[in-house]
Protein backbone atom coordinates (compact mmCIF):
# COMPACT_ATOMS: atom_id res chain seq x y z
CA MET A 1 60.10 43.03 -52.50
CA THR A 2 60.14 41.93 -56.18
CA LEU A 3 57.18 40.61 -57.60
CA ARG A 4 59.13 37.41 -59.38
CA VAL A 5 59.76 36.44 -55.09
CA LEU A 6 55.96 36.90 -54.39
CA ALA A 7 54.59 35.06 -57.09
CA PHE A 8 56.68 32.20 -56.09
CA ALA A 9 56.48 32.56 -52.08
CA VAL A 10 52.63 32.80 -51.61
CA PRO A 11 51.73 29.65 -53.86
CA ALA A 12 54.57 27.74 -52.96
CA PHE A 13 53.18 28.53 -48.94
CA ALA A 14 49.57 27.94 -49.71
CA LEU A 15 50.09 24.58 -51.83
CA SER A 16 52.64 23.28 -48.94
CA TRP A 17 50.04 24.11 -46.04
CA TRP A 18 47.26 22.72 -48.20
CA LEU A 19 48.81 19.24 -48.88
CA ALA A 20 50.23 18.99 -44.97
CA ALA A 21 46.40 19.37 -43.98
CA TYR A 22 45.23 17.16 -46.77
CA LEU A 23 47.45 14.17 -45.74
CA ILE A 24 46.87 14.56 -41.85
CA GLY A 25 43.12 14.99 -42.40
CA ARG A 26 43.30 11.42 -44.53
CA ASP A 27 44.31 9.68 -41.54
CA PRO A 28 45.87 11.47 -38.44
CA GLY A 29 46.77 8.21 -37.00
CA ARG A 30 49.24 6.97 -39.61
CA PRO A 31 52.64 7.88 -38.79
CA ALA A 32 54.06 8.30 -42.56
CA LEU A 33 51.12 10.76 -43.31
CA ARG A 34 51.94 12.76 -39.87
CA TRP A 35 55.68 12.83 -40.68
CA ALA A 36 54.85 14.17 -44.29
CA SER A 37 52.62 16.73 -43.15
CA ALA A 38 55.01 17.91 -40.65
CA GLY A 39 57.84 18.30 -43.18
CA LEU A 40 55.54 20.25 -45.92
CA THR A 41 54.28 22.46 -42.73
CA ALA A 42 58.06 23.18 -42.25
CA TYR A 43 58.66 24.03 -45.75
CA GLY A 44 55.86 26.44 -45.81
CA VAL A 45 57.18 28.35 -42.79
CA GLY A 46 60.59 28.21 -44.47
CA VAL A 47 59.57 29.97 -47.39
CA ALA A 48 57.74 32.59 -45.46
CA ALA A 49 60.46 33.28 -43.28
CA TRP A 50 62.87 33.16 -46.46
CA THR A 51 60.54 36.23 -47.62
CA VAL A 52 60.95 38.25 -44.35
CA ASP A 53 64.46 37.57 -44.14
CA PRO A 54 66.02 36.07 -47.08
CA GLY A 55 69.10 33.86 -46.66
CA GLY A 56 68.41 34.36 -42.88
CA ARG A 57 69.51 31.61 -40.37
CA THR A 58 66.18 30.76 -39.18
CA ALA A 59 64.79 30.37 -42.64
CA GLN A 60 67.51 28.05 -43.68
CA ILE A 61 67.18 25.76 -40.51
CA LEU A 62 62.96 25.64 -41.63
CA ILE A 63 64.16 24.81 -45.05
CA CYS A 64 66.24 21.98 -43.61
CA LEU A 65 63.72 20.15 -41.59
CA PRO A 66 61.57 18.53 -44.40
CA ALA A 67 64.62 16.07 -45.05
CA LEU A 68 64.29 14.69 -41.49
CA ALA A 69 60.53 14.69 -41.43
CA TRP A 70 60.82 12.80 -44.86
CA ALA A 71 62.90 10.18 -43.39
CA GLY A 72 60.72 9.58 -40.70
CA SER A 73 58.07 9.07 -43.22
CA VAL A 74 60.12 6.65 -44.93
CA VAL A 75 61.08 4.60 -41.45
CA ALA A 76 57.08 4.47 -40.87
CA LEU A 77 56.69 2.79 -44.24
CA LEU A 78 59.14 0.08 -43.96
CA PRO A 79 57.32 -3.32 -43.83
CA LEU A 80 58.89 -4.49 -40.41
CA PRO A 81 58.16 -7.40 -37.99
CA PRO A 82 57.32 -6.28 -34.96
CA ALA A 83 60.47 -7.45 -33.34
CA GLU A 84 62.46 -4.80 -35.79
CA ARG A 85 60.03 -1.99 -35.39
CA ARG A 86 60.58 -0.87 -32.07
CA PRO A 87 64.62 -0.60 -32.33
CA ILE A 88 64.24 0.89 -35.76
CA ASP A 89 61.88 3.52 -34.68
CA VAL A 90 63.93 4.72 -31.35
CA GLY A 91 67.13 4.53 -33.45
CA ALA A 92 65.37 7.12 -36.18
CA LEU A 93 64.08 9.31 -33.76
CA VAL A 94 67.25 9.56 -31.95
CA LEU A 95 69.36 10.01 -34.90
CA GLY A 96 66.55 12.85 -36.24
CA VAL A 97 67.44 14.70 -32.92
CA SER A 98 71.06 14.53 -33.51
CA PHE A 99 70.96 15.71 -37.30
CA GLN A 100 68.48 18.49 -36.12
CA LEU A 101 70.93 19.69 -33.75
CA LEU A 102 74.04 19.68 -36.36
CA VAL A 103 71.50 21.30 -38.63
CA ILE A 104 71.01 24.06 -36.15
CA ALA A 105 74.77 24.05 -35.25
CA LEU A 106 76.32 24.14 -38.62
CA PRO A 107 76.31 27.05 -40.95
CA GLY A 108 75.62 27.08 -44.46
CA ALA A 109 76.78 23.88 -46.68
CA GLY A 110 77.08 22.23 -43.15
CA LYS A 111 73.26 22.02 -42.87
CA LEU A 112 73.28 19.69 -45.58
CA VAL A 113 74.50 16.77 -43.35
CA GLY A 114 70.47 16.73 -42.50
CA LEU A 115 70.04 14.81 -46.12
CA THR A 116 72.17 11.63 -44.13
CA PRO A 117 69.04 10.34 -42.32
CA LEU A 118 66.86 10.33 -45.47
CA GLY A 119 69.79 8.17 -47.32
CA GLY A 120 69.51 5.78 -44.56
CA ALA A 121 65.91 5.56 -44.69
CA LEU A 122 65.85 4.90 -48.15
CA PHE A 123 68.24 2.18 -48.05
CA LEU A 124 66.21 0.26 -45.25
CA LEU A 125 63.24 0.56 -47.99
CA TRP A 126 65.21 -0.83 -50.69
CA ARG A 127 66.23 -3.44 -48.17
CA GLY A 128 62.51 -4.49 -48.01
CA ARG A 129 61.46 -3.56 -51.17
CA ALA A 130 59.75 -6.78 -51.89
CA GLN A 131 57.20 -6.35 -49.18
CA VAL A 132 56.42 -2.73 -50.01
CA VAL A 133 53.20 -1.36 -51.80
CA PRO A 134 53.37 -0.04 -54.27
CA ARG A 135 56.64 -1.75 -55.73
CA ARG A 136 58.00 0.99 -57.61
CA LEU A 137 57.73 3.57 -54.48
CA PRO A 138 61.22 3.00 -53.71
CA LEU A 139 62.41 4.05 -56.81
CA ALA A 140 60.08 6.90 -57.04
CA LEU A 141 61.04 8.36 -53.62
CA THR A 142 64.61 7.74 -54.10
CA LEU A 143 64.38 9.99 -57.68
CA MET A 144 62.57 12.55 -55.66
CA ALA A 145 65.11 12.56 -52.93
CA LEU A 146 68.24 12.95 -55.50
CA LEU A 147 66.47 16.17 -57.25
CA TYR A 148 65.53 17.43 -53.70
CA ALA A 149 69.32 16.97 -52.47
CA ALA A 150 70.23 18.80 -55.78
CA ALA A 151 68.01 21.72 -55.07
CA MET A 152 69.08 22.13 -51.28
CA THR A 153 72.70 22.24 -52.59
CA ALA A 154 72.03 24.81 -54.98
CA LEU A 155 70.45 26.77 -52.29
CA LEU A 156 72.84 26.37 -49.35
CA VAL A 157 76.14 26.04 -51.35
CA PRO A 158 77.56 29.70 -52.92
CA LEU A 159 76.82 28.65 -56.71
CA ASP A 160 75.43 30.84 -59.16
CA ALA A 161 72.28 28.88 -60.09
CA GLY A 162 70.00 32.02 -60.79
CA GLY A 163 69.51 32.92 -57.10
CA PRO A 164 67.71 31.28 -54.42
CA VAL A 165 64.30 31.18 -55.92
CA PRO A 166 64.67 28.50 -58.45
CA ALA A 167 66.02 26.06 -55.68
CA LEU A 168 63.30 26.82 -53.36
CA ALA A 169 60.99 26.26 -56.09
CA ALA A 170 62.66 23.06 -57.20
CA SER A 171 62.86 21.73 -53.40
CA GLY A 172 59.02 22.64 -52.99
CA VAL A 173 57.82 20.67 -56.13
CA ASP A 174 59.88 17.83 -54.65
CA LEU A 175 58.33 17.89 -51.57
CA LEU A 176 54.86 18.04 -52.97
CA VAL A 177 55.49 15.16 -55.11
CA PHE A 178 56.69 13.37 -52.42
CA GLY A 179 53.46 14.33 -50.45
CA TYR A 180 51.45 12.68 -53.28
CA LEU A 181 53.55 9.52 -53.33
CA ILE A 182 53.00 9.04 -49.64
CA ALA A 183 49.16 9.58 -50.05
CA VAL A 184 49.43 7.00 -53.03
CA ALA A 185 50.90 4.58 -50.80
CA HIS A 186 48.76 5.19 -47.92
CA ALA A 187 45.93 4.53 -50.59
CA VAL A 188 47.33 1.58 -51.57
CA THR A 189 48.14 -0.32 -48.46
CA GLY A 190 44.34 0.61 -47.18
CA GLY A 191 42.67 -0.68 -50.71
CA GLU A 192 41.40 3.15 -51.19
CA ARG A 193 40.86 5.28 -53.91
CA LEU A 194 43.04 8.60 -53.84
CA ARG A 195 41.96 10.66 -57.06
CA PRO A 196 38.71 11.81 -56.59
CA ASP A 197 38.96 12.80 -52.91
CA LEU A 198 42.49 14.32 -53.86
CA ARG A 199 40.81 16.41 -56.97
CA ARG A 200 37.85 17.79 -54.79
CA SER A 201 40.65 19.18 -52.27
CA LEU A 202 42.87 20.12 -54.81
CA ALA A 203 40.10 22.31 -56.23
CA ALA A 204 39.18 24.07 -53.12
CA ALA A 205 42.94 24.70 -52.92
CA ALA A 206 43.10 26.21 -56.23
CA ALA A 207 39.95 28.58 -55.10
CA VAL A 208 42.14 29.28 -52.13
CA LEU A 209 44.98 30.61 -54.43
CA VAL A 210 42.84 32.84 -56.37
CA LEU A 211 40.41 34.24 -53.66
CA VAL A 212 43.28 34.78 -50.85
CA GLY A 213 46.55 34.22 -52.19
CA LEU A 214 46.11 36.76 -55.35
CA PRO A 215 44.83 39.70 -53.00
CA ALA A 216 47.99 38.59 -50.49
CA THR A 217 50.49 38.68 -53.27
CA LEU A 218 49.42 42.27 -54.71
CA THR A 219 49.23 43.25 -50.80
CA LEU A 220 52.51 42.46 -50.33
CA TYR A 221 53.80 43.95 -53.47
CA VAL A 222 52.16 47.36 -53.08
CA VAL A 223 52.91 47.77 -49.48
CA PRO A 224 56.43 48.85 -48.57
CA ALA A 225 58.56 45.59 -47.01
CA ASP A 226 57.57 45.08 -43.66
CA ALA A 227 58.27 41.99 -41.57
CA VAL A 228 54.90 42.31 -39.62
CA VAL A 229 52.73 43.00 -42.64
CA THR A 230 54.55 40.31 -44.55
CA CYS A 231 53.69 37.55 -41.61
CA LEU A 232 50.14 38.71 -41.36
CA GLN A 233 49.58 38.36 -45.15
CA PHE A 234 50.69 34.85 -44.63
CA VAL A 235 48.37 34.24 -41.79
CA PRO A 236 45.10 34.22 -43.69
CA VAL A 237 46.64 32.28 -46.68
CA GLY A 238 47.76 29.42 -44.34
CA VAL A 239 44.35 29.13 -42.59
CA ALA A 240 42.13 29.01 -45.95
CA ALA A 241 44.86 26.80 -47.49
CA ALA A 242 44.79 24.48 -44.22
CA ALA A 243 40.49 24.48 -44.47
CA ALA A 244 40.68 23.40 -48.11
CA GLY A 245 42.98 20.30 -47.05
CA LEU A 246 40.56 19.68 -44.03
CA THR A 247 37.02 20.21 -45.72
CA GLY A 248 35.33 17.28 -43.98
CA ARG A 249 36.98 17.78 -40.81
CA MET A 250 36.06 21.37 -40.75
CA SER A 251 32.48 20.73 -41.94
CA ARG A 252 32.31 18.12 -38.86
CA LEU A 253 34.00 20.93 -36.40
CA LEU A 254 31.56 23.49 -37.38
CA ASP A 255 28.54 21.14 -37.01
CA ARG A 256 29.84 20.38 -33.17
CA VAL A 257 29.95 24.34 -32.41
CA ALA A 258 26.73 25.32 -34.32
CA LEU A 259 24.68 22.14 -33.45
CA ALA A 260 26.15 21.62 -29.65
CA GLY A 261 22.29 21.86 -28.56
CA ASP A 262 21.17 19.12 -30.75
CA VAL A 263 23.09 15.89 -30.26
CA ARG A 264 20.70 13.81 -32.62
CA LEU A 265 21.14 16.08 -35.52
CA ARG A 266 24.69 16.31 -35.44
CA HIS A 267 25.28 12.33 -34.92
CA ASP A 268 23.11 12.17 -38.18
CA ARG A 269 25.05 14.92 -40.04
CA ALA A 270 28.19 13.37 -38.74
CA ALA A 271 26.98 9.81 -39.93
CA LEU A 272 26.21 11.42 -43.53
CA PHE A 273 29.55 13.25 -43.99
CA LEU A 274 31.72 10.10 -42.80
CA ASN A 275 29.56 7.81 -45.35
CA ALA A 276 30.33 10.86 -48.45
CA ASP A 277 33.86 10.68 -47.43
CA ALA A 278 33.94 6.57 -47.56
CA LEU A 279 32.50 6.98 -50.62
CA LEU A 280 34.98 9.14 -52.41
CA ARG A 281 37.83 6.81 -51.16
CA ARG A 282 36.43 3.49 -51.48
CA ARG A 283 37.25 1.47 -54.39
CA GLU A 284 34.91 0.11 -56.84
CA ARG A 285 33.98 -3.53 -56.18
CA ARG A 286 36.43 -6.28 -57.47
CA THR A 287 36.04 -9.86 -58.15
CA LEU A 288 38.25 -12.30 -56.01
CA ALA A 289 40.12 -12.93 -59.33
CA GLU A 290 40.77 -9.37 -59.64
CA LEU A 291 41.69 -9.14 -56.01
CA GLY A 292 44.10 -11.91 -55.67
CA GLU A 293 44.99 -14.01 -52.24
CA PRO A 294 48.09 -12.06 -51.12
CA GLU A 295 45.97 -8.48 -51.49
CA PHE A 296 43.20 -10.20 -49.75
CA LEU A 297 45.06 -11.51 -47.29
CA ARG A 298 46.96 -8.08 -46.66
CA LEU A 299 43.68 -6.45 -46.68
CA THR A 300 42.37 -8.75 -43.79
CA ARG A 301 45.24 -8.13 -41.80
CA ARG A 302 44.77 -4.41 -42.13
CA ALA A 303 41.09 -4.58 -41.12
CA LEU A 304 41.64 -6.62 -37.91
CA ALA A 305 44.34 -3.98 -37.04
CA ASP A 306 41.52 -1.34 -37.86
CA PHE A 307 38.81 -3.52 -35.95
CA ASN A 308 37.55 -0.42 -33.61
CA ASP A 309 37.80 2.34 -36.35
CA LEU A 310 34.56 2.19 -38.29
CA ASN A 311 35.86 4.59 -40.21
CA ARG A 312 38.60 2.84 -41.55
CA LEU A 313 36.73 -0.24 -42.10
CA SER A 314 34.12 1.67 -44.28
CA ARG A 315 36.99 2.33 -46.90
CA SER A 316 38.12 -1.11 -46.73
CA PRO A 317 37.40 -3.24 -50.02
CA LEU A 318 36.49 -6.24 -47.82
CA THR A 319 33.04 -4.19 -47.28
CA GLY A 320 32.18 -5.73 -50.81
CA LEU A 321 32.52 -9.44 -49.73
CA PRO A 322 29.73 -11.61 -50.88
CA VAL A 323 28.89 -12.69 -46.91
CA VAL A 324 29.03 -9.03 -46.33
CA ALA A 325 26.30 -8.40 -49.23
CA ARG A 326 24.20 -11.23 -48.10
CA ARG A 327 24.03 -9.99 -44.44
CA ILE A 328 23.04 -6.61 -45.48
CA ALA A 329 20.48 -7.40 -48.05
CA GLY A 330 16.86 -6.34 -47.96
CA ARG A 331 17.74 -4.06 -45.06
CA GLY A 332 17.58 -0.73 -47.37
CA ASP A 333 20.91 0.61 -45.66
CA ASP A 334 23.74 -0.40 -48.00
CA GLN A 335 25.86 2.61 -46.99
CA PRO A 336 29.70 2.22 -46.31
CA ARG A 337 29.10 2.67 -42.60
CA ALA A 338 26.58 0.01 -42.49
CA ARG A 339 28.76 -2.54 -44.70
CA ALA A 340 31.22 -1.49 -42.39
CA ARG A 341 29.45 -2.87 -39.05
CA GLU A 342 28.74 -5.93 -41.08
CA LEU A 343 32.20 -6.70 -41.89
CA ARG A 344 33.09 -5.87 -38.46
CA ALA A 345 30.59 -8.80 -37.42
CA VAL A 346 32.26 -11.16 -39.93
CA LEU A 347 35.54 -10.73 -38.53
CA ARG A 348 34.39 -10.86 -34.58
CA GLU A 349 32.94 -14.46 -35.92
CA SER A 350 36.20 -15.59 -37.57
CA VAL A 351 37.90 -14.38 -34.52
CA SER A 352 35.72 -16.55 -32.07
CA ALA A 353 36.28 -19.75 -34.42
CA LEU A 354 39.71 -19.52 -32.98
CA ARG A 355 38.68 -19.93 -29.75
CA PRO A 356 39.64 -23.65 -28.40
CA THR A 357 36.71 -25.63 -26.59
CA GLY A 358 36.58 -25.35 -22.67
CA PRO A 359 37.36 -22.75 -20.15
CA PHE A 360 39.49 -19.87 -20.71
CA GLY A 361 43.15 -20.70 -20.64
CA THR A 362 46.77 -19.25 -21.56
CA THR A 363 48.21 -22.58 -22.89
CA GLU A 364 50.09 -22.49 -26.30
CA ASP A 365 46.57 -23.03 -27.97
CA TRP A 366 44.91 -20.06 -26.61
CA ARG A 367 47.86 -17.28 -27.69
CA TYR A 368 46.34 -16.66 -31.21
CA TYR A 369 42.48 -16.21 -30.15
CA ASN A 370 43.72 -14.16 -26.87
CA THR A 371 45.58 -12.06 -28.90
CA LEU A 372 42.90 -11.29 -31.56
CA GLN A 373 40.09 -11.23 -29.02
CA PHE A 374 41.71 -9.04 -26.11
CA CYS A 375 43.87 -7.00 -27.89
CA GLY A 376 42.15 -6.59 -31.43
CA VAL A 377 38.31 -7.11 -31.00
CA LEU A 378 38.17 -5.61 -27.30
CA GLY A 379 40.71 -2.88 -27.91
CA LEU A 380 42.65 -3.40 -24.57
CA ASP A 381 46.16 -2.78 -24.37
CA PRO A 382 47.89 -4.81 -21.47
CA TYR A 383 50.90 -2.57 -21.57
CA ALA A 384 49.22 0.62 -20.76
CA ARG A 385 50.55 2.38 -17.56
CA ARG A 386 46.99 3.23 -16.38
CA GLN A 387 45.05 0.08 -17.19
CA ARG A 388 41.39 0.28 -16.67
CA LEU A 389 39.61 -2.81 -16.01
CA ASP A 390 36.51 -1.38 -14.74
CA GLY A 391 33.35 -3.19 -16.86
CA LEU A 392 35.64 -5.85 -17.87
CA SER A 393 34.51 -9.61 -17.73
CA ARG A 394 36.74 -11.89 -15.35
CA GLU A 395 38.46 -13.73 -18.63
CA ALA A 396 39.20 -10.27 -20.12
CA ARG A 397 40.75 -9.47 -16.37
CA MET A 398 42.75 -12.63 -16.48
CA ALA A 399 44.04 -12.18 -20.19
CA VAL A 400 45.11 -8.80 -19.59
CA ASP A 401 47.02 -9.60 -16.28
CA TRP A 402 48.74 -12.87 -18.18
CA PHE A 403 49.78 -10.63 -21.03
CA ARG A 404 51.29 -8.01 -18.87
CA ARG A 405 53.02 -10.47 -16.72
CA ASN A 406 53.96 -13.11 -19.40
CA VAL A 407 54.23 -11.82 -22.76
CA PRO A 408 56.29 -9.11 -24.02
CA GLU A 409 54.62 -6.64 -26.23
CA ASP A 410 56.64 -7.44 -29.41
CA THR A 411 55.70 -10.94 -28.99
CA MET A 412 52.15 -10.10 -28.59
CA ARG A 413 52.35 -8.09 -31.62
CA GLN A 414 53.86 -11.01 -33.76
CA TRP A 415 51.24 -13.30 -32.41
CA HIS A 416 48.66 -10.64 -33.69
CA ARG A 417 50.04 -10.72 -37.10
CA GLU A 418 50.18 -14.82 -37.51
CA ALA A 419 46.93 -14.87 -35.85
CA ALA A 420 45.16 -12.36 -38.35
CA MET A 421 47.02 -14.16 -41.10
CA ILE A 422 45.16 -17.67 -40.19
CA VAL A 423 41.76 -15.60 -40.01
CA ALA A 424 42.48 -14.13 -43.14
CA GLY A 425 43.31 -17.64 -44.57
CA HIS A 426 39.97 -18.75 -43.30
CA LEU A 427 37.81 -15.94 -44.99
CA TRP A 428 39.79 -16.31 -48.45
CA SER A 429 38.97 -20.16 -48.47
CA GLU A 430 35.38 -19.29 -47.33
CA ALA A 431 35.14 -16.43 -50.16
CA LEU A 432 36.65 -18.59 -52.90
CA SER A 433 33.75 -21.37 -51.93
CA ASP A 434 31.23 -18.86 -52.13
CA ASP A 435 32.54 -17.53 -55.48
CA ARG A 436 32.76 -20.81 -57.09
CA SER A 437 28.89 -21.67 -55.73
CA ARG A 438 27.52 -18.49 -57.47
CA HIS A 439 29.34 -19.34 -60.29
CA ALA A 440 28.13 -22.84 -60.35
CA ALA A 441 24.55 -21.36 -59.91
CA SER A 442 24.97 -19.19 -62.77
CA ASN A 443 26.31 -21.77 -65.16
CA PRO A 444 24.17 -24.90 -64.30
CA SER A 445 25.51 -26.59 -67.68
């Protein structure tokens, strides 16, 4: 095995697994991040398989998988209303499985058919580009997709392109840039910072390359070619790279194991870890003028969707609202999670303000309050197969039964979006009024 091949294979494997772990570690609940992570993982395994069996059928299939995962990630980014989201998600899944079977069945250049779903997903992204953030994301993803398609063509079509290593390296760079773009999209959508957290994780990945990747490369170069030895050398590289991408989560996991008998200490340390993560990813506080009404409305709608996830709320720019600052002033606990709890209280009060007067009802006037209160604030899922109603109030039981019997799930999600915009509008008006009052107080003339 030549040093040239190993000098590419080990770093490519390590970096792809590191970025895959980093993306899934940022927020495992986001489908776009999960799909991107799956694509990078498949590429890393494909590189290892290519090192063991250059040009083998298994390696070719694995190298083609990222295109399908890329398509899934792009579909997850589409700004779709609930009525359109479900059929497109189902259709994308069916098409993805179908094209994956074609990739497995077709030989050589025929596997390029796996690029078709990616083209379709990008077409849908361009169609809804007016609502995509950041605005240049469709263009950037399309350019990287074209470069990736060219690299895959050079790899699978019998051309004199300098061997498979340049094509594999080019496709790897494309996938790393794609993963970065997905991380940027996730950060911008959530109003978070990316660079400090990414730089910290990248420094850990660089240490892994030097301390683990370099010895593995030299071992593979010195030891005669053997499939078992080659695979075993990739294992510690993959584990170390994944640990570098999951630094914060690995620390909390170690605490769960080592401090299993001290629940209070474990919980205190977990809160410190989560505050530290939030500080890395929380944007500097901006004025309402800098934020703008459209961005404020979008962030409020997202905060309502994440109402029961304190970790996500702690990274929201809305924790810098004046009303949150007033609530937390003088407590001596101006930490991200404390601000997130106050933001949640503000959102809860705004939702309660939507409640019509009188006893609980299910008329047209009640639909927005019922949707946000029971499906958002209380986190109930009326459409779950195994619905647990133990400990719920009579109103909550009635609401769950009403949703399940009379309101389709897509309709409920649409009501949730509309109600969230109403709450966001009220909060924007209040924040704007507070801002004007503070300016008037500071400039009495």
